[in-house]
Amino acid sequence: GDEFDNPDGPDGSGNAETPSEGGKILVAYFSAQRHTQAVAECIVELTGADIYCIEAAEPYAANPYDDSDRIRNEAYNDLRPGVANLLDAERIAQYDTIFIGSPCWWHQPAMVVCTFLEAYDLKDKVIIPFFTYGATTYLNESMQKIYKVTPDSKHIPETLPEDLDPDDITTPGRPDDAGIDMPGNAGGTEAWLRRIGMIE
């Protein structure tokens, strides 16, 4: 898309007005079945952010269930599948805030999202994860993973419920997922952005 084509003028060494108080926002997301994409598009509509879709170098099946062995292997072994369309470091450097969206796959973010995050210096940037999922039982596991791969970033929420057993990503129904705020789906995005203070 042409969402990055508007020139940014000088290299930012001057005191040019930023379009919004919080600086530039990027919504980076991976979506297999458009659920995450729908939330990402809502965030863009409501915040004026730029959007970027993370693509796997080796695409997943249209129905992720057909790829579940690969996905489980990547999640359980903490692998880093390649990203087909990594952005330049300079481009990522322009953003102060990055929303990062993913489905919950085998109790983790899609690992290609971790590949993307680890490709950049995200020190002091605000990282706001959002997940789409059928069940919330692994939400904390997935959030913890994003925080772990972005250790020098600021996060919203600032803290997560204590991970009762960080080495165990396979036992369902542990009580440490309650209280993590998520949009849930596209329809819940606006209220969620208000709650986290991203829109008035």
C-alpha atoms as a PDB file:
ATOM      1  CA  GLY A   1       0.000   0.000   0.000  1.00  0.00           C
ATOM      2  CA  ASP A   2       1.007   3.653  -0.189  1.00  0.00           C
ATOM      3  CA  GLU A   3       0.564   4.302   3.487  1.00  0.00           C
ATOM      4  CA  PHE A   4       4.214   5.219   3.847  1.00  0.00           C
ATOM      5  CA  ASP A   5       4.555   7.400   0.787  1.00  0.00           C
ATOM      6  CA  ASN A   6       3.871  10.790   2.297  1.00  0.00           C
ATOM      7  CA  PRO A   7       7.244  12.494   2.700  1.00  0.00           C
ATOM      8  CA  ASP A   8       8.253  13.333   6.224  1.00  0.00           C
ATOM      9  CA  GLY A   9      10.275  16.387   5.313  1.00  0.00           C
ATOM     10  CA  PRO A  10      13.609  16.956   7.056  1.00  0.00           C
ATOM     11  CA  ASP A  11      15.186  14.332   9.252  1.00  0.00           C
ATOM     12  CA  GLY A  12      13.477  15.507  12.396  1.00  0.00           C
ATOM     13  CA  SER A  13      16.413  17.460  13.779  1.00  0.00           C
ATOM     14  CA  GLY A  14      14.274  20.610  13.763  1.00  0.00           C
ATOM     15  CA  ASN A  15      11.312  21.214  16.036  1.00  0.00           C
ATOM     16  CA  ALA A  16       8.618  20.362  13.516  1.00  0.00           C
ATOM     17  CA  GLU A  17       5.184  19.930  15.026  1.00  0.00           C
ATOM     18  CA  THR A  18       4.308  16.285  15.421  1.00  0.00           C
ATOM     19  CA  PRO A  19       0.851  15.362  14.184  1.00  0.00           C
ATOM     20  CA  SER A  20      -0.225  14.057  17.587  1.00  0.00           C
ATOM     21  CA  GLU A  21       1.085  14.595  21.060  1.00  0.00           C
ATOM     22  CA  GLY A  22       2.386  11.068  21.377  1.00  0.00           C
ATOM     23  CA  GLY A  23       4.366  11.175  18.140  1.00  0.00           C
ATOM     24  CA  LYS A  24       3.972   8.718  15.297  1.00  0.00           C
ATOM     25  CA  ILE A  25       2.063   5.491  15.754  1.00  0.00           C
ATOM     26  CA  LEU A  26       2.462   2.239  13.846  1.00  0.00           C
ATOM     27  CA  VAL A  27       0.039  -0.653  13.946  1.00  0.00           C
ATOM     28  CA  ALA A  28       2.043  -3.767  13.009  1.00  0.00           C
ATOM     29  CA  TYR A  29       0.090  -6.978  12.911  1.00  0.00           C
ATOM     30  CA  PHE A  30       0.107 -10.556  11.718  1.00  0.00           C
ATOM     31  CA  SER A  31      -3.263 -11.985  10.766  1.00  0.00           C
ATOM     32  CA  ALA A  32      -4.084 -15.393   9.371  1.00  0.00           C
ATOM     33  CA  GLN A  33      -7.863 -15.178   9.205  1.00  0.00           C
ATOM     34  CA  ARG A  34      -8.457 -11.430   9.228  1.00  0.00           C
ATOM     35  CA  HIS A  35      -9.602 -11.221  12.884  1.00  0.00           C
ATOM     36  CA  THR A  36      -6.420  -9.449  13.950  1.00  0.00           C
ATOM     37  CA  GLN A  37      -6.472  -7.403  10.751  1.00  0.00           C
ATOM     38  CA  ALA A  38      -9.987  -6.153  11.550  1.00  0.00           C
ATOM     39  CA  VAL A  39      -8.843  -4.862  14.961  1.00  0.00           C
ATOM     40  CA  ALA A  40      -5.703  -3.349  13.400  1.00  0.00           C
ATOM     41  CA  GLU A  41      -7.786  -1.465  10.826  1.00  0.00           C
ATOM     42  CA  CYS A  42     -10.052  -0.111  13.570  1.00  0.00           C
ATOM     43  CA  ILE A  43      -7.043   1.165  15.541  1.00  0.00           C
ATOM     44  CA  VAL A  44      -5.763   2.913  12.404  1.00  0.00           C
ATOM     45  CA  GLU A  45      -9.152   4.475  11.732  1.00  0.00           C
ATOM     46  CA  LEU A  46      -9.413   5.789  15.285  1.00  0.00           C
ATOM     47  CA  THR A  47      -5.814   6.943  15.835  1.00  0.00           C
ATOM     48  CA  GLY A  48      -4.588   7.914  12.368  1.00  0.00           C
ATOM     49  CA  ALA A  49      -1.697   5.463  12.752  1.00  0.00           C
ATOM     50  CA  ASP A  50       0.246   3.910   9.884  1.00  0.00           C
ATOM     51  CA  ILE A  51      -0.419   0.226   9.264  1.00  0.00           C
ATOM     52  CA  TYR A  52       1.923  -2.619   8.419  1.00  0.00           C
ATOM     53  CA  CYS A  53       1.038  -6.264   7.890  1.00  0.00           C
ATOM     54  CA  ILE A  54       3.773  -8.719   8.907  1.00  0.00           C
ATOM     55  CA  GLU A  55       4.054 -11.471   6.309  1.00  0.00           C
ATOM     56  CA  ALA A  56       5.759 -14.786   6.941  1.00  0.00           C
ATOM     57  CA  ALA A  57       8.555 -15.631   4.499  1.00  0.00           C
ATOM     58  CA  GLU A  58       7.040 -19.098   4.333  1.00  0.00           C
ATOM     59  CA  PRO A  59       3.285 -18.395   4.340  1.00  0.00           C
ATOM     60  CA  TYR A  60       0.958 -20.322   6.608  1.00  0.00           C
ATOM     61  CA  ALA A  61      -1.999 -22.291   5.323  1.00  0.00           C
ATOM     62  CA  ALA A  62      -5.162 -20.243   4.758  1.00  0.00           C
ATOM     63  CA  ASN A  63      -6.631 -22.223   7.619  1.00  0.00           C
ATOM     64  CA  PRO A  64      -4.002 -22.270  10.394  1.00  0.00           C
ATOM     65  CA  TYR A  65      -5.407 -25.562  11.691  1.00  0.00           C
ATOM     66  CA  ASP A  66      -3.901 -27.160   8.581  1.00  0.00           C
ATOM     67  CA  ASP A  67      -0.506 -25.917   9.752  1.00  0.00           C
ATOM     68  CA  SER A  68      -0.888 -26.737  13.403  1.00  0.00           C
ATOM     69  CA  ASP A  69       2.172 -29.021  13.588  1.00  0.00           C
ATOM     70  CA  ARG A  70       4.397 -26.264  12.225  1.00  0.00           C
ATOM     71  CA  ILE A  71       2.811 -23.621  14.448  1.00  0.00           C
ATOM     72  CA  ARG A  72       3.047 -25.747  17.578  1.00  0.00           C
ATOM     73  CA  ASN A  73       6.683 -26.560  16.808  1.00  0.00           C
ATOM     74  CA  GLU A  74       7.485 -22.848  16.377  1.00  0.00           C
ATOM     75  CA  ALA A  75       5.674 -21.900  19.598  1.00  0.00           C
ATOM     76  CA  TYR A  76       6.928 -24.697  21.844  1.00  0.00           C
ATOM     77  CA  ASN A  77      10.517 -24.419  20.605  1.00  0.00           C
ATOM     78  CA  ASP A  78      10.580 -20.623  20.538  1.00  0.00           C
ATOM     79  CA  LEU A  79      11.560 -20.539  16.871  1.00  0.00           C
ATOM     80  CA  ARG A  80      11.799 -17.390  14.745  1.00  0.00           C
ATOM     81  CA  PRO A  81      10.279 -17.921  11.301  1.00  0.00           C
ATOM     82  CA  GLY A  82      11.428 -15.405   8.702  1.00  0.00           C
ATOM     83  CA  VAL A  83       9.522 -12.223   7.864  1.00  0.00           C
ATOM     84  CA  ALA A  84       9.026 -11.647   4.119  1.00  0.00           C
ATOM     85  CA  ASN A  85       8.661  -7.875   4.281  1.00  0.00           C
ATOM     86  CA  LEU A  86      10.739  -6.460   7.149  1.00  0.00           C
ATOM     87  CA  LEU A  87      10.691  -2.663   7.243  1.00  0.00           C
ATOM     88  CA  ASP A  88      13.897  -0.599   7.317  1.00  0.00           C
ATOM     89  CA  ALA A  89      15.243   0.203  10.758  1.00  0.00           C
ATOM     90  CA  GLU A  90      15.001   3.928   9.855  1.00  0.00           C
ATOM     91  CA  ARG A  91      11.314   3.574   9.201  1.00  0.00           C
ATOM     92  CA  ILE A  92      10.678   1.839  12.521  1.00  0.00           C
ATOM     93  CA  ALA A  93      12.781   4.510  14.240  1.00  0.00           C
ATOM     94  CA  GLN A  94      10.189   7.157  13.256  1.00  0.00           C
ATOM     95  CA  TYR A  95       7.542   5.650  15.516  1.00  0.00           C
ATOM     96  CA  ASP A  96       7.151   6.359  19.209  1.00  0.00           C
ATOM     97  CA  THR A  97       4.293   3.929  19.726  1.00  0.00           C
ATOM     98  CA  ILE A  98       3.841   0.521  18.129  1.00  0.00           C
ATOM     99  CA  PHE A  99       0.678  -1.521  18.456  1.00  0.00           C
ATOM    100  CA  ILE A 100       1.575  -5.148  17.810  1.00  0.00           C
ATOM    101  CA  GLY A 101      -1.220  -7.526  16.863  1.00  0.00           C
ATOM    102  CA  SER A 102      -1.309 -11.292  16.630  1.00  0.00           C
ATOM    103  CA  PRO A 103      -3.570 -14.260  17.034  1.00  0.00           C
ATOM    104  CA  CYS A 104      -2.858 -16.513  20.036  1.00  0.00           C
ATOM    105  CA  TRP A 105      -1.383 -19.633  18.446  1.00  0.00           C
ATOM    106  CA  TRP A 106      -0.533 -22.601  20.622  1.00  0.00           C
ATOM    107  CA  HIS A 107      -0.519 -20.396  23.711  1.00  0.00           C
ATOM    108  CA  GLN A 108       1.890 -17.886  22.185  1.00  0.00           C
ATOM    109  CA  PRO A 109       1.925 -14.998  19.722  1.00  0.00           C
ATOM    110  CA  ALA A 110       2.537 -16.121  16.144  1.00  0.00           C
ATOM    111  CA  MET A 111       6.318 -16.492  16.339  1.00  0.00           C
ATOM    112  CA  VAL A 112       6.790 -14.429  13.182  1.00  0.00           C
ATOM    113  CA  VAL A 113       5.701 -11.447  15.316  1.00  0.00           C
ATOM    114  CA  CYS A 114       8.629 -12.100  17.674  1.00  0.00           C
ATOM    115  CA  THR A 115      10.963 -12.267  14.660  1.00  0.00           C
ATOM    116  CA  PHE A 116       9.681  -8.836  13.634  1.00  0.00           C
ATOM    117  CA  LEU A 117      10.061  -7.286  17.097  1.00  0.00           C
ATOM    118  CA  GLU A 118      13.566  -8.639  17.625  1.00  0.00           C
ATOM    119  CA  ALA A 119      14.727  -7.180  14.297  1.00  0.00           C
ATOM    120  CA  TYR A 120      14.666  -3.616  15.691  1.00  0.00           C
ATOM    121  CA  ASP A 121      15.958  -1.464  18.491  1.00  0.00           C
ATOM    122  CA  LEU A 122      12.720  -0.675  20.302  1.00  0.00           C
ATOM    123  CA  LYS A 123      14.304   0.945  23.343  1.00  0.00           C
ATOM    124  CA  ASP A 124      11.948   3.457  25.006  1.00  0.00           C
ATOM    125  CA  LYS A 125       9.234   2.934  22.391  1.00  0.00           C
ATOM    126  CA  VAL A 126       5.756   2.220  23.719  1.00  0.00           C
ATOM    127  CA  ILE A 127       4.651  -1.289  22.736  1.00  0.00           C
ATOM    128  CA  ILE A 128       0.923  -2.072  22.963  1.00  0.00           C
ATOM    129  CA  PRO A 129       0.111  -5.706  22.203  1.00  0.00           C
ATOM    130  CA  PHE A 130      -3.341  -6.822  21.126  1.00  0.00           C
ATOM    131  CA  PHE A 131      -4.457 -10.383  20.578  1.00  0.00           C
ATOM    132  CA  THR A 132      -7.420 -12.042  18.956  1.00  0.00           C
ATOM    133  CA  TYR A 133      -8.263 -15.502  20.189  1.00  0.00           C
ATOM    134  CA  GLY A 134     -10.977 -18.053  20.644  1.00  0.00           C
ATOM    135  CA  ALA A 135     -10.254 -18.468  24.346  1.00  0.00           C
ATOM    136  CA  THR A 136      -8.462 -16.178  26.767  1.00  0.00           C
ATOM    137  CA  THR A 137      -6.712 -18.911  28.744  1.00  0.00           C
ATOM    138  CA  TYR A 138      -3.313 -18.138  27.236  1.00  0.00           C
ATOM    139  CA  LEU A 139      -3.527 -14.395  26.983  1.00  0.00           C
ATOM    140  CA  ASN A 140      -1.008 -13.756  29.754  1.00  0.00           C
ATOM    141  CA  GLU A 141       1.458 -16.274  28.258  1.00  0.00           C
ATOM    142  CA  SER A 142       1.237 -14.469  24.928  1.00  0.00           C
ATOM    143  CA  MET A 143       1.552 -11.010  26.476  1.00  0.00           C
ATOM    144  CA  GLN A 144       4.513 -12.097  28.605  1.00  0.00           C
ATOM    145  CA  LYS A 145       6.238 -13.299  25.436  1.00  0.00           C
ATOM    146  CA  ILE A 146       5.872  -9.914  23.720  1.00  0.00           C
ATOM    147  CA  TYR A 147       7.235  -8.160  26.827  1.00  0.00           C
ATOM    148  CA  LYS A 148      10.127 -10.598  26.995  1.00  0.00           C
ATOM    149  CA  VAL A 149      11.228  -9.907  23.399  1.00  0.00           C
ATOM    150  CA  THR A 150      10.925  -6.113  23.903  1.00  0.00           C
ATOM    151  CA  PRO A 151      12.757  -5.749  27.236  1.00  0.00           C
ATOM    152  CA  ASP A 152      13.827  -2.128  26.715  1.00  0.00           C
ATOM    153  CA  SER A 153      10.438  -0.852  25.610  1.00  0.00           C
ATOM    154  CA  LYS A 154       7.671   0.697  27.650  1.00  0.00           C
ATOM    155  CA  HIS A 155       4.488  -1.349  27.648  1.00  0.00           C
ATOM    156  CA  ILE A 156       0.756  -0.817  27.923  1.00  0.00           C
ATOM    157  CA  PRO A 157      -0.335  -2.243  30.274  1.00  0.00           C
ATOM    158  CA  GLU A 158       2.763  -1.420  32.277  1.00  0.00           C
ATOM    159  CA  THR A 159       2.629  -4.667  34.218  1.00  0.00           C
ATOM    160  CA  LEU A 160       1.017  -8.047  33.671  1.00  0.00           C
ATOM    161  CA  PRO A 161      -0.487 -10.462  36.168  1.00  0.00           C
ATOM    162  CA  GLU A 162       2.289 -12.533  37.676  1.00  0.00           C
ATOM    163  CA  ASP A 163       3.126 -15.429  35.369  1.00  0.00           C
ATOM    164  CA  LEU A 164       2.621 -18.356  37.716  1.00  0.00           C
ATOM    165  CA  ASP A 165       4.980 -20.630  35.816  1.00  0.00           C
ATOM    166  CA  PRO A 166       6.774 -18.901  32.949  1.00  0.00           C
ATOM    167  CA  ASP A 167       8.352 -22.142  31.743  1.00  0.00           C
ATOM    168  CA  ASP A 168       5.005 -23.828  31.269  1.00  0.00           C
ATOM    169  CA  ILE A 169       3.158 -22.655  28.183  1.00  0.00           C
ATOM    170  CA  THR A 170       0.919 -25.687  27.839  1.00  0.00           C
ATOM    171  CA  THR A 171      -1.333 -25.973  30.897  1.00  0.00           C
ATOM    172  CA  PRO A 172      -4.712 -24.343  30.267  1.00  0.00           C
ATOM    173  CA  GLY A 173      -6.973 -22.478  32.613  1.00  0.00           C
ATOM    174  CA  ARG A 174      -4.440 -21.041  35.005  1.00  0.00           C
ATOM    175  CA  PRO A 175      -5.801 -18.073  36.934  1.00  0.00           C
ATOM    176  CA  ASP A 176      -3.216 -15.568  35.744  1.00  0.00           C
ATOM    177  CA  ASP A 177      -5.051 -14.292  32.663  1.00  0.00           C
ATOM    178  CA  ALA A 178      -7.753 -12.332  34.422  1.00  0.00           C
ATOM    179  CA  GLY A 179      -7.504  -8.581  34.314  1.00  0.00           C
ATOM    180  CA  ILE A 180      -5.643  -8.124  31.026  1.00  0.00           C
ATOM    181  CA  ASP A 181      -7.569  -5.595  28.973  1.00  0.00           C
ATOM    182  CA  MET A 182      -8.068  -6.416  25.279  1.00  0.00           C
ATOM    183  CA  PRO A 183     -10.368  -5.140  22.546  1.00  0.00           C
ATOM    184  CA  GLY A 184     -11.649  -8.703  21.998  1.00  0.00           C
ATOM    185  CA  ASN A 185     -12.735  -7.937  18.467  1.00  0.00           C
ATOM    186  CA  ALA A 186     -13.076  -5.007  16.081  1.00  0.00           C
ATOM    187  CA  GLY A 187     -16.300  -3.896  17.785  1.00  0.00           C
ATOM    188  CA  GLY A 188     -14.523  -3.502  21.118  1.00  0.00           C
ATOM    189  CA  THR A 189     -11.578  -1.524  19.766  1.00  0.00           C
ATOM    190  CA  GLU A 190     -12.792   2.008  20.362  1.00  0.00           C
ATOM    191  CA  ALA A 191     -13.709   1.466  24.020  1.00  0.00           C
ATOM    192  CA  TRP A 192     -10.374  -0.318  24.585  1.00  0.00           C
ATOM    193  CA  LEU A 193      -8.387   2.576  23.051  1.00  0.00           C
ATOM    194  CA  ARG A 194     -10.243   4.961  25.372  1.00  0.00           C
ATOM    195  CA  ARG A 195      -9.512   2.810  28.408  1.00  0.00           C
ATOM    196  CA  ILE A 196      -5.784   2.737  27.663  1.00  0.00           C
ATOM    197  CA  GLY A 197      -5.729   6.476  26.994  1.00  0.00           C
ATOM    198  CA  MET A 198      -4.875   6.352  23.281  1.00  0.00           C
ATOM    199  CA  ILE A 199      -7.931   8.332  22.200  1.00  0.00           C
ATOM    200  CA  GLU A 200     -10.070  10.900  23.974  1.00  0.00           C
END
